[in-house]
Amino acid sequence: MGCGRAAPQTGHRARLSVSPAERADLKLFVIAVGTRMPAWVEQGYAEYAKRMPPESRLQLIEIRPEKRDGKSTAQILANERTRIEAALPASALPIVLDESGKSWNTLELSRNLEHWKRDGHDAAFIIGGADGLDDAIKSRAQTLVSLSALTLPHALVRVILAEQLYRAASILQNHPYHRA
């Protein structure tokens, strides 16, 4: 982000003027297949979501998982895909979390947040259910991102993602939370 110009000193603290793009809000969505998470997941996610700066709010959209009822994995994934697509905000770039995706470090995530904000894009991070995600969701994604080479419980991914988004936002705000 650019520094802008300092406002004239009037005895009050100087404010930096910023361009409209720098003032724009960045909406971040976590679209996750699964409902009724354990209390520790809800508490962990909520803790980091509430810490987010006002201009980078984090919103969780839970997708009801498809009941098995003798359905094939392909049928389950297709039905969940339909729900995900219906919940995906039109303004948001779909970012799929997948173990085969590209690994970003925290600084790369913060640079992506800054880039999306500057370009006026919102971002939706999509977390699959027990069977993963339909290939059509993956092919529609702006990018596939891996949080770890390990297979992580989907509930835990919500908490890790919320923490990393908060950490990335804190870097952009020069907040001391991230000490690397």
Protein backbone atom coordinates (compact mmCIF):
# COMPACT_ATOMS: atom_id res chain seq x y z
CA MET A 1 0.00 0.00 0.00
CA GLY A 2 1.15 3.51 -0.72
CA CYS A 3 1.81 5.98 2.05
CA GLY A 4 -0.33 8.77 0.68
CA ARG A 5 0.25 12.36 1.73
CA ALA A 6 0.16 13.71 5.23
CA ALA A 7 -2.65 16.14 6.02
CA PRO A 8 -1.61 19.59 7.24
CA GLN A 9 -0.75 19.74 10.92
CA THR A 10 -3.45 21.44 12.97
CA GLY A 11 -2.35 20.58 16.45
CA HIS A 12 -3.98 17.19 16.11
CA ARG A 13 -2.35 14.00 15.05
CA ALA A 14 -1.66 14.02 11.30
CA ARG A 15 -3.73 11.63 9.21
CA LEU A 16 -2.59 10.02 6.02
CA SER A 17 -4.85 10.41 3.04
CA VAL A 18 -5.41 7.22 1.13
CA SER A 19 -6.77 6.41 -2.29
CA PRO A 20 -10.32 4.99 -2.57
CA ALA A 21 -8.86 1.57 -3.42
CA GLU A 22 -6.87 1.57 -0.19
CA ARG A 23 -9.98 2.46 1.80
CA ALA A 24 -12.04 -0.30 0.21
CA ASP A 25 -13.19 -3.14 2.39
CA LEU A 26 -12.07 -6.68 1.74
CA LYS A 27 -14.69 -9.27 2.55
CA LEU A 28 -13.31 -12.67 3.40
CA PHE A 29 -15.56 -15.69 3.41
CA VAL A 30 -14.89 -19.18 4.71
CA ILE A 31 -17.26 -21.57 2.97
CA ALA A 32 -17.01 -24.88 4.80
CA VAL A 33 -18.89 -28.12 4.31
CA GLY A 34 -20.02 -29.21 7.75
CA THR A 35 -22.27 -27.98 10.52
CA ARG A 36 -22.50 -28.54 14.26
CA MET A 37 -18.81 -28.23 15.01
CA PRO A 38 -17.41 -28.98 18.47
CA ALA A 39 -17.34 -26.01 20.85
CA TRP A 40 -13.54 -25.71 20.65
CA VAL A 41 -13.77 -25.22 16.86
CA GLU A 42 -16.48 -22.58 17.14
CA GLN A 43 -14.58 -20.79 19.90
CA GLY A 44 -11.25 -20.88 18.07
CA TYR A 45 -12.74 -19.64 14.82
CA ALA A 46 -14.76 -16.92 16.59
CA GLU A 47 -11.68 -15.69 18.47
CA TYR A 48 -9.73 -14.96 15.30
CA ALA A 49 -12.75 -13.73 13.34
CA LYS A 50 -13.46 -11.07 15.99
CA ARG A 51 -9.84 -9.91 15.92
CA MET A 52 -9.98 -9.11 12.20
CA PRO A 53 -9.76 -5.42 11.34
CA PRO A 54 -13.09 -3.77 10.46
CA GLU A 55 -12.11 -3.37 6.80
CA SER A 56 -11.33 -7.11 6.47
CA ARG A 57 -14.25 -8.90 8.07
CA LEU A 58 -14.34 -12.69 8.09
CA GLN A 59 -17.66 -14.46 7.55
CA LEU A 60 -18.28 -18.19 7.93
CA ILE A 61 -20.79 -19.84 5.60
CA GLU A 62 -21.51 -23.42 6.63
CA ILE A 63 -22.72 -25.86 4.00
CA ARG A 64 -24.92 -28.75 5.07
CA PRO A 65 -23.13 -31.99 4.21
CA GLU A 66 -24.97 -34.41 1.99
CA LYS A 67 -26.38 -37.48 3.72
CA ARG A 68 -24.92 -40.73 2.48
CA ASP A 69 -28.18 -42.71 2.17
CA GLY A 70 -26.55 -45.17 -0.25
CA LYS A 71 -25.28 -42.42 -2.58
CA SER A 72 -21.98 -42.68 -4.37
CA THR A 73 -19.14 -40.31 -3.48
CA ALA A 74 -19.63 -38.61 -6.85
CA GLN A 75 -23.31 -37.96 -6.07
CA ILE A 76 -22.45 -36.62 -2.61
CA LEU A 77 -19.79 -34.28 -4.00
CA ALA A 78 -22.09 -33.08 -6.80
CA ASN A 79 -24.86 -32.22 -4.32
CA GLU A 80 -22.43 -30.42 -2.02
CA ARG A 81 -21.01 -28.58 -5.07
CA THR A 82 -24.48 -27.24 -5.84
CA ARG A 83 -24.80 -25.89 -2.29
CA ILE A 84 -21.32 -24.36 -2.37
CA GLU A 85 -21.98 -22.65 -5.71
CA ALA A 86 -25.26 -21.24 -4.37
CA ALA A 87 -23.50 -19.86 -1.28
CA LEU A 88 -20.47 -18.44 -3.11
CA PRO A 89 -20.74 -14.64 -3.25
CA ALA A 90 -20.60 -13.42 -6.85
CA SER A 91 -17.96 -10.81 -5.97
CA ALA A 92 -15.60 -13.30 -4.34
CA LEU A 93 -12.63 -15.08 -5.88
CA PRO A 94 -12.95 -18.77 -5.01
CA ILE A 95 -9.84 -20.06 -3.23
CA VAL A 96 -9.98 -23.83 -2.67
CA LEU A 97 -8.12 -25.37 0.24
CA ASP A 98 -6.71 -28.66 -0.96
CA GLU A 99 -3.72 -30.74 0.12
CA SER A 100 -2.49 -30.77 -3.50
CA GLY A 101 -2.62 -26.97 -3.76
CA LYS A 102 0.18 -24.44 -3.68
CA SER A 103 1.79 -23.77 -0.32
CA TRP A 104 1.73 -20.12 0.69
CA ASN A 105 3.67 -18.80 3.61
CA THR A 106 2.06 -16.13 5.77
CA LEU A 107 3.76 -13.25 3.96
CA GLU A 108 2.47 -14.56 0.61
CA LEU A 109 -1.03 -14.75 2.09
CA SER A 110 -0.75 -11.15 3.32
CA ARG A 111 0.43 -10.00 -0.12
CA ASN A 112 -2.55 -11.75 -1.69
CA LEU A 113 -4.93 -10.04 0.76
CA GLU A 114 -3.37 -6.71 -0.12
CA HIS A 115 -3.62 -7.45 -3.86
CA TRP A 116 -7.29 -8.52 -3.65
CA LYS A 117 -8.17 -5.47 -1.58
CA ARG A 118 -6.36 -3.12 -3.96
CA ASP A 119 -8.12 -4.69 -6.97
CA GLY A 120 -11.52 -4.59 -5.26
CA HIS A 121 -11.95 -8.37 -5.00
CA ASP A 122 -13.39 -10.30 -2.12
CA ALA A 123 -12.12 -13.82 -1.41
CA ALA A 124 -13.94 -17.02 -0.49
CA PHE A 125 -11.87 -19.83 0.98
CA ILE A 126 -13.61 -23.15 0.33
CA ILE A 127 -13.13 -26.11 2.68
CA GLY A 128 -14.53 -29.46 1.58
CA GLY A 129 -16.23 -32.09 3.65
CA ALA A 130 -15.24 -35.63 4.57
CA ASP A 131 -15.13 -36.66 0.90
CA GLY A 132 -13.32 -33.53 -0.29
CA LEU A 133 -14.62 -31.31 -3.09
CA ASP A 134 -16.09 -31.92 -6.51
CA ASP A 135 -13.57 -31.41 -9.31
CA ALA A 136 -15.81 -28.71 -10.83
CA ILE A 137 -15.28 -26.55 -7.70
CA LYS A 138 -11.53 -27.07 -7.93
CA SER A 139 -11.42 -26.19 -11.63
CA ARG A 140 -13.45 -23.01 -11.02
CA ALA A 141 -11.10 -21.84 -8.27
CA GLN A 142 -8.83 -18.84 -8.67
CA THR A 143 -6.18 -21.00 -7.03
CA LEU A 144 -5.78 -24.12 -4.91
CA VAL A 145 -3.96 -23.57 -1.64
CA SER A 146 -2.54 -26.11 0.77
CA LEU A 147 -2.26 -25.26 4.47
CA SER A 148 -0.09 -28.31 5.05
CA ALA A 149 1.23 -31.41 3.35
CA LEU A 150 -0.48 -33.27 6.19
CA THR A 151 -4.13 -34.25 5.99
CA LEU A 152 -5.84 -32.04 8.56
CA PRO A 153 -9.27 -32.50 10.15
CA HIS A 154 -11.67 -30.19 8.32
CA ALA A 155 -12.88 -28.66 11.59
CA LEU A 156 -9.30 -27.78 12.56
CA VAL A 157 -8.72 -26.21 9.13
CA ARG A 158 -11.35 -23.57 9.97
CA VAL A 159 -9.40 -22.50 13.04
CA ILE A 160 -6.00 -22.58 11.32
CA LEU A 161 -7.32 -20.60 8.35
CA ALA A 162 -8.96 -17.97 10.57
CA GLU A 163 -5.72 -17.58 12.53
CA GLN A 164 -3.62 -17.27 9.37
CA LEU A 165 -6.01 -14.70 7.89
CA TYR A 166 -5.79 -12.70 11.10
CA ARG A 167 -2.00 -13.01 11.08
CA ALA A 168 -1.82 -11.89 7.43
CA ALA A 169 -4.12 -8.93 8.14
CA SER A 170 -2.01 -7.98 11.17
CA ILE A 171 1.08 -7.87 8.94
CA LEU A 172 -0.68 -5.41 6.63
CA GLN A 173 -1.60 -3.27 9.65
CA ASN A 174 1.95 -3.39 11.08
CA HIS A 175 0.49 -5.00 14.19
CA PRO A 176 3.04 -6.83 16.36
CA TYR A 177 1.08 -10.14 16.41
CA HIS A 178 3.31 -11.61 13.67
CA ARG A 179 6.92 -11.80 14.77
CA ALA A 180 8.97 -13.47 12.08
